[in-house]
Amino acid sequence: MAERLDKQLENLKILPQHLKRVQINESNEYYLPQVINELKKQHNRDVMLEILKVFEKHWNNGNKWMLHILSKSHLILNHLDQLKNMKHMVQIEISISSIDEKLIRDLEFYTPQ
């Protein structure tokens, strides 16, 4: 995946800066234990870390892509050191789940019930 991403980012470097934004976990959650364990089992490496490093490499070479990562999982902390290195190019949104209805209303009062 990282190798293909590297080639695609290189091919798309001609895009104007305002179009160089990638959203990760928009409709699914990479940071689920089942997903991480399956990817490690299939590839014997940390695929997400490799992806983050590809984006960082392109940024450092002038091909500046912004990342927007959405997650509900604490497993994003596995990549905290890498994300800190990329803080100039990463926006992270974390949502909190709870069965406590009052807490949900306090935190996300505009969401549907």
N, C-alpha and C. Protein backbone atom coordinates (compact mmCIF):
# COMPACT_ATOMS: atom_id res chain seq x y z
N MET A 1 0.81 -1.19 0.00
CA MET A 1 0.00 0.00 0.00
C MET A 1 0.86 1.26 0.00
N ALA A 2 1.88 1.28 0.83
CA ALA A 2 2.72 2.47 0.92
C ALA A 2 3.43 2.75 -0.40
N GLU A 3 3.86 1.70 -1.08
CA GLU A 3 4.56 1.88 -2.35
C GLU A 3 3.62 2.48 -3.40
N ARG A 4 2.38 1.99 -3.44
CA ARG A 4 1.41 2.54 -4.39
C ARG A 4 1.07 3.98 -4.05
N LEU A 5 0.90 4.25 -2.75
CA LEU A 5 0.61 5.61 -2.31
C LEU A 5 1.73 6.56 -2.73
N ASP A 6 2.96 6.13 -2.54
CA ASP A 6 4.11 6.96 -2.90
C ASP A 6 4.04 7.34 -4.39
N LYS A 7 3.74 6.38 -5.24
CA LYS A 7 3.65 6.64 -6.68
C LYS A 7 2.48 7.58 -7.00
N GLN A 8 1.34 7.36 -6.35
CA GLN A 8 0.17 8.20 -6.60
C GLN A 8 0.41 9.64 -6.17
N LEU A 9 1.01 9.83 -5.00
CA LEU A 9 1.30 11.18 -4.54
C LEU A 9 2.26 11.89 -5.49
N GLU A 10 3.22 11.14 -6.01
CA GLU A 10 4.15 11.71 -6.99
C GLU A 10 3.41 12.11 -8.26
N ASN A 11 2.52 11.25 -8.73
CA ASN A 11 1.75 11.56 -9.95
C ASN A 11 0.83 12.77 -9.75
N LEU A 12 0.36 12.97 -8.53
CA LEU A 12 -0.59 14.05 -8.26
C LEU A 12 0.06 15.32 -7.73
N LYS A 13 1.37 15.40 -7.75
CA LYS A 13 2.04 16.57 -7.20
C LYS A 13 1.74 17.85 -7.98
N ILE A 14 1.21 17.72 -9.19
CA ILE A 14 0.88 18.90 -10.00
C ILE A 14 -0.42 19.57 -9.53
N LEU A 15 -1.16 18.92 -8.66
CA LEU A 15 -2.41 19.51 -8.17
C LEU A 15 -2.13 20.81 -7.41
N PRO A 16 -3.08 21.75 -7.46
CA PRO A 16 -2.91 22.96 -6.65
C PRO A 16 -2.96 22.61 -5.16
N GLN A 17 -2.30 23.40 -4.35
CA GLN A 17 -2.16 23.10 -2.92
C GLN A 17 -3.52 22.88 -2.23
N HIS A 18 -4.52 23.67 -2.59
CA HIS A 18 -5.81 23.55 -1.89
C HIS A 18 -6.50 22.22 -2.13
N LEU A 19 -6.06 21.44 -3.10
CA LEU A 19 -6.64 20.11 -3.35
C LEU A 19 -5.83 18.98 -2.72
N LYS A 20 -4.72 19.30 -2.09
CA LYS A 20 -3.86 18.27 -1.51
C LYS A 20 -4.24 18.03 -0.05
N ARG A 21 -5.37 17.37 0.13
CA ARG A 21 -5.86 17.06 1.46
C ARG A 21 -6.45 15.65 1.43
N VAL A 22 -6.02 14.81 2.35
CA VAL A 22 -6.47 13.43 2.41
C VAL A 22 -7.10 13.18 3.76
N GLN A 23 -8.26 12.55 3.73
CA GLN A 23 -8.96 12.20 4.97
C GLN A 23 -8.82 10.70 5.20
N ILE A 24 -8.37 10.35 6.38
CA ILE A 24 -8.18 8.94 6.75
C ILE A 24 -9.23 8.57 7.79
N ASN A 25 -9.84 7.42 7.63
CA ASN A 25 -10.90 6.91 8.50
C ASN A 25 -12.21 7.67 8.33
N GLU A 26 -12.45 8.16 7.15
CA GLU A 26 -13.68 8.92 6.90
C GLU A 26 -14.92 8.05 7.07
N SER A 27 -14.90 6.85 6.54
CA SER A 27 -16.09 6.01 6.61
C SER A 27 -15.85 4.67 7.31
N ASN A 28 -14.64 4.42 7.72
CA ASN A 28 -14.33 3.21 8.49
C ASN A 28 -13.22 3.55 9.47
N GLU A 29 -12.92 2.64 10.35
CA GLU A 29 -11.94 2.89 11.41
C GLU A 29 -10.75 1.98 11.25
N TYR A 30 -9.62 2.55 10.86
CA TYR A 30 -8.39 1.75 10.73
C TYR A 30 -7.92 1.28 12.10
N TYR A 31 -8.10 2.10 13.10
CA TYR A 31 -7.53 1.83 14.41
C TYR A 31 -8.36 0.86 15.25
N LEU A 32 -9.02 -0.08 14.62
CA LEU A 32 -9.68 -1.17 15.34
C LEU A 32 -8.65 -2.28 15.57
N PRO A 33 -8.66 -2.89 16.74
CA PRO A 33 -7.68 -3.95 17.00
C PRO A 33 -7.72 -5.06 15.94
N GLN A 34 -8.92 -5.41 15.49
CA GLN A 34 -9.05 -6.48 14.49
C GLN A 34 -8.36 -6.10 13.18
N VAL A 35 -8.50 -4.84 12.78
CA VAL A 35 -7.88 -4.38 11.53
C VAL A 35 -6.36 -4.37 11.67
N ILE A 36 -5.89 -3.79 12.75
CA ILE A 36 -4.44 -3.70 12.97
C ILE A 36 -3.83 -5.09 13.04
N ASN A 37 -4.45 -5.99 13.79
CA ASN A 37 -3.92 -7.34 13.92
C ASN A 37 -3.92 -8.09 12.59
N GLU A 38 -4.99 -7.92 11.81
CA GLU A 38 -5.06 -8.60 10.51
C GLU A 38 -4.01 -8.07 9.55
N LEU A 39 -3.82 -6.75 9.52
CA LEU A 39 -2.80 -6.17 8.65
C LEU A 39 -1.40 -6.62 9.06
N LYS A 40 -1.16 -6.67 10.35
CA LYS A 40 0.16 -7.14 10.81
C LYS A 40 0.36 -8.61 10.45
N LYS A 41 -0.71 -9.40 10.57
CA LYS A 41 -0.62 -10.82 10.24
C LYS A 41 -0.36 -11.00 8.74
N GLN A 42 -1.07 -10.23 7.90
CA GLN A 42 -0.92 -10.37 6.45
C GLN A 42 0.40 -9.81 5.94
N HIS A 43 0.84 -8.69 6.51
CA HIS A 43 2.01 -8.00 5.96
C HIS A 43 3.23 -8.01 6.87
N ASN A 44 3.06 -8.42 8.12
CA ASN A 44 4.14 -8.48 9.10
C ASN A 44 4.84 -7.13 9.28
N ARG A 45 4.05 -6.06 9.22
CA ARG A 45 4.60 -4.72 9.44
C ARG A 45 3.44 -3.77 9.76
N ASP A 46 3.77 -2.57 10.16
CA ASP A 46 2.78 -1.56 10.52
C ASP A 46 2.46 -0.72 9.27
N VAL A 47 1.40 -1.09 8.58
CA VAL A 47 1.05 -0.46 7.32
C VAL A 47 0.72 1.02 7.51
N MET A 48 -0.02 1.35 8.57
CA MET A 48 -0.39 2.75 8.79
C MET A 48 0.83 3.62 9.05
N LEU A 49 1.79 3.12 9.81
CA LEU A 49 3.02 3.87 10.05
C LEU A 49 3.75 4.12 8.73
N GLU A 50 3.78 3.12 7.87
CA GLU A 50 4.41 3.29 6.56
C GLU A 50 3.70 4.37 5.74
N ILE A 51 2.37 4.38 5.80
CA ILE A 51 1.59 5.39 5.06
C ILE A 51 1.90 6.78 5.59
N LEU A 52 1.93 6.93 6.90
CA LEU A 52 2.25 8.23 7.49
C LEU A 52 3.64 8.70 7.06
N LYS A 53 4.58 7.80 7.02
CA LYS A 53 5.95 8.16 6.62
C LYS A 53 6.03 8.56 5.15
N VAL A 54 5.20 7.96 4.30
CA VAL A 54 5.16 8.36 2.89
C VAL A 54 4.68 9.80 2.78
N PHE A 55 3.61 10.14 3.50
CA PHE A 55 3.12 11.52 3.47
C PHE A 55 4.18 12.49 4.00
N GLU A 56 4.87 12.11 5.06
CA GLU A 56 5.92 12.98 5.62
C GLU A 56 7.06 13.17 4.62
N LYS A 57 7.45 12.09 3.94
CA LYS A 57 8.52 12.17 2.94
C LYS A 57 8.14 13.15 1.82
N HIS A 58 6.91 13.05 1.35
CA HIS A 58 6.47 13.95 0.28
C HIS A 58 6.44 15.39 0.76
N TRP A 59 5.98 15.60 1.98
CA TRP A 59 5.96 16.97 2.54
C TRP A 59 7.38 17.53 2.55
N ASN A 60 8.32 16.75 3.05
CA ASN A 60 9.71 17.20 3.16
C ASN A 60 10.34 17.46 1.80
N ASN A 61 9.80 16.82 0.75
CA ASN A 61 10.31 17.03 -0.61
C ASN A 61 9.52 18.08 -1.38
N GLY A 62 8.65 18.82 -0.68
CA GLY A 62 7.93 19.92 -1.33
C GLY A 62 6.55 19.58 -1.86
N ASN A 63 6.17 18.32 -1.82
CA ASN A 63 4.85 17.87 -2.28
C ASN A 63 3.96 17.81 -1.04
N LYS A 64 3.40 18.94 -0.65
CA LYS A 64 2.80 19.13 0.67
C LYS A 64 1.34 18.72 0.72
N TRP A 65 1.10 17.52 1.23
CA TRP A 65 -0.23 16.99 1.44
C TRP A 65 -0.62 17.15 2.90
N MET A 66 -1.85 17.57 3.14
CA MET A 66 -2.38 17.67 4.50
C MET A 66 -3.18 16.40 4.80
N LEU A 67 -3.09 15.94 6.04
CA LEU A 67 -3.84 14.76 6.47
C LEU A 67 -4.87 15.15 7.52
N HIS A 68 -6.04 14.59 7.38
CA HIS A 68 -7.11 14.77 8.35
C HIS A 68 -7.50 13.38 8.80
N ILE A 69 -7.21 13.06 10.07
CA ILE A 69 -7.45 11.71 10.59
C ILE A 69 -8.60 11.76 11.58
N LEU A 70 -9.59 10.91 11.36
CA LEU A 70 -10.73 10.77 12.26
C LEU A 70 -10.61 9.43 12.98
N SER A 71 -10.84 9.42 14.28
CA SER A 71 -10.75 8.16 15.01
C SER A 71 -11.55 8.22 16.30
N LYS A 72 -12.00 7.06 16.72
CA LYS A 72 -12.61 6.90 18.03
C LYS A 72 -11.73 6.01 18.92
N SER A 73 -10.64 5.56 18.38
CA SER A 73 -9.83 4.55 19.05
C SER A 73 -8.60 5.12 19.74
N HIS A 74 -8.31 4.55 20.90
CA HIS A 74 -7.08 4.91 21.61
C HIS A 74 -5.84 4.37 20.89
N LEU A 75 -6.03 3.48 19.95
CA LEU A 75 -4.89 2.87 19.26
C LEU A 75 -4.15 3.86 18.35
N ILE A 76 -4.74 5.02 18.13
CA ILE A 76 -4.02 6.06 17.37
C ILE A 76 -2.75 6.46 18.13
N LEU A 77 -2.75 6.22 19.43
CA LEU A 77 -1.57 6.54 20.25
C LEU A 77 -0.35 5.70 19.85
N ASN A 78 -0.58 4.59 19.16
CA ASN A 78 0.54 3.77 18.67
C ASN A 78 1.43 4.57 17.72
N HIS A 79 0.86 5.59 17.10
CA HIS A 79 1.60 6.39 16.12
C HIS A 79 1.84 7.81 16.61
N LEU A 80 1.74 8.00 17.90
CA LEU A 80 1.84 9.35 18.46
C LEU A 80 3.18 10.01 18.12
N ASP A 81 4.28 9.30 18.24
CA ASP A 81 5.58 9.89 17.93
C ASP A 81 5.65 10.36 16.48
N GLN A 82 5.17 9.52 15.57
CA GLN A 82 5.17 9.90 14.15
C GLN A 82 4.24 11.09 13.92
N LEU A 83 3.07 11.07 14.54
CA LEU A 83 2.12 12.17 14.36
C LEU A 83 2.67 13.47 14.93
N LYS A 84 3.42 13.40 16.01
CA LYS A 84 4.05 14.61 16.55
C LYS A 84 5.04 15.19 15.54
N ASN A 85 5.78 14.32 14.87
CA ASN A 85 6.73 14.79 13.84
C ASN A 85 6.02 15.46 12.68
N MET A 86 4.74 15.12 12.50
CA MET A 86 3.97 15.61 11.36
C MET A 86 2.94 16.66 11.77
N LYS A 87 3.09 17.24 12.95
CA LYS A 87 2.04 18.12 13.49
C LYS A 87 1.73 19.31 12.60
N HIS A 88 2.65 19.73 11.77
CA HIS A 88 2.44 20.84 10.85
C HIS A 88 1.57 20.46 9.66
N MET A 89 1.31 19.17 9.48
CA MET A 89 0.56 18.72 8.31
C MET A 89 -0.61 17.80 8.65
N VAL A 90 -0.88 17.62 9.94
CA VAL A 90 -1.92 16.66 10.37
C VAL A 90 -2.94 17.35 11.26
N GLN A 91 -4.20 17.04 10.97
CA GLN A 91 -5.30 17.43 11.85
C GLN A 91 -5.94 16.13 12.32
N ILE A 92 -6.11 15.99 13.63
CA ILE A 92 -6.69 14.76 14.18
C ILE A 92 -7.96 15.11 14.92
N GLU A 93 -9.01 14.37 14.62
CA GLU A 93 -10.28 14.52 15.34
C GLU A 93 -10.58 13.21 16.03
N ILE A 94 -10.86 13.31 17.30
CA ILE A 94 -11.19 12.12 18.09
C ILE A 94 -12.58 12.32 18.66
N SER A 95 -13.44 11.35 18.45
CA SER A 95 -14.76 11.42 19.06
C SER A 95 -14.83 10.41 20.20
N ILE A 96 -15.71 10.69 21.12
CA ILE A 96 -15.82 9.87 22.33
C ILE A 96 -17.16 9.16 22.31
N SER A 97 -17.13 7.86 22.53
CA SER A 97 -18.36 7.08 22.62
C SER A 97 -18.67 6.76 24.07
N SER A 98 -19.93 6.72 24.37
CA SER A 98 -20.34 6.41 25.74
C SER A 98 -21.77 5.91 25.73
N ILE A 99 -22.10 5.10 26.71
CA ILE A 99 -23.50 4.68 26.88
C ILE A 99 -24.23 5.63 27.82
N ASP A 100 -23.51 6.57 28.40
CA ASP A 100 -24.10 7.57 29.29
C ASP A 100 -24.74 8.67 28.44
N GLU A 101 -26.06 8.65 28.34
CA GLU A 101 -26.78 9.59 27.49
C GLU A 101 -26.53 11.04 27.88
N LYS A 102 -26.44 11.33 29.16
CA LYS A 102 -26.18 12.70 29.60
C LYS A 102 -24.80 13.16 29.12
N LEU A 103 -23.81 12.31 29.25
CA LEU A 103 -22.47 12.65 28.78
C LEU A 103 -22.46 12.90 27.27
N ILE A 104 -23.15 12.06 26.53
CA ILE A 104 -23.22 12.25 25.08
C ILE A 104 -23.84 13.59 24.75
N ARG A 105 -24.93 13.93 25.41
CA ARG A 105 -25.61 15.22 25.18
C ARG A 105 -24.69 16.38 25.55
N ASP A 106 -23.91 16.23 26.62
CA ASP A 106 -22.99 17.30 27.03
C ASP A 106 -21.86 17.49 26.02
N LEU A 107 -21.37 16.39 25.45
CA LEU A 107 -20.24 16.46 24.52
C LEU A 107 -20.66 16.75 23.09
N GLU A 108 -21.75 16.16 22.67
CA GLU A 108 -22.19 16.29 21.28
C GLU A 108 -23.66 16.69 21.23
N PHE A 109 -23.95 17.87 21.75
CA PHE A 109 -25.34 18.26 21.92
C PHE A 109 -26.06 18.54 20.61
N TYR A 110 -25.39 18.66 19.49
CA TYR A 110 -26.06 18.88 18.21
C TYR A 110 -26.29 17.60 17.41
N THR A 111 -25.79 16.49 17.91
CA THR A 111 -25.98 15.24 17.17
C THR A 111 -27.39 14.70 17.40
N PRO A 112 -27.92 13.96 16.42
CA PRO A 112 -29.27 13.41 16.59
C PRO A 112 -29.30 12.39 17.72
N GLN A 113 -30.45 12.28 18.32
CA GLN A 113 -30.61 11.32 19.43
C GLN A 113 -31.04 9.99 18.92
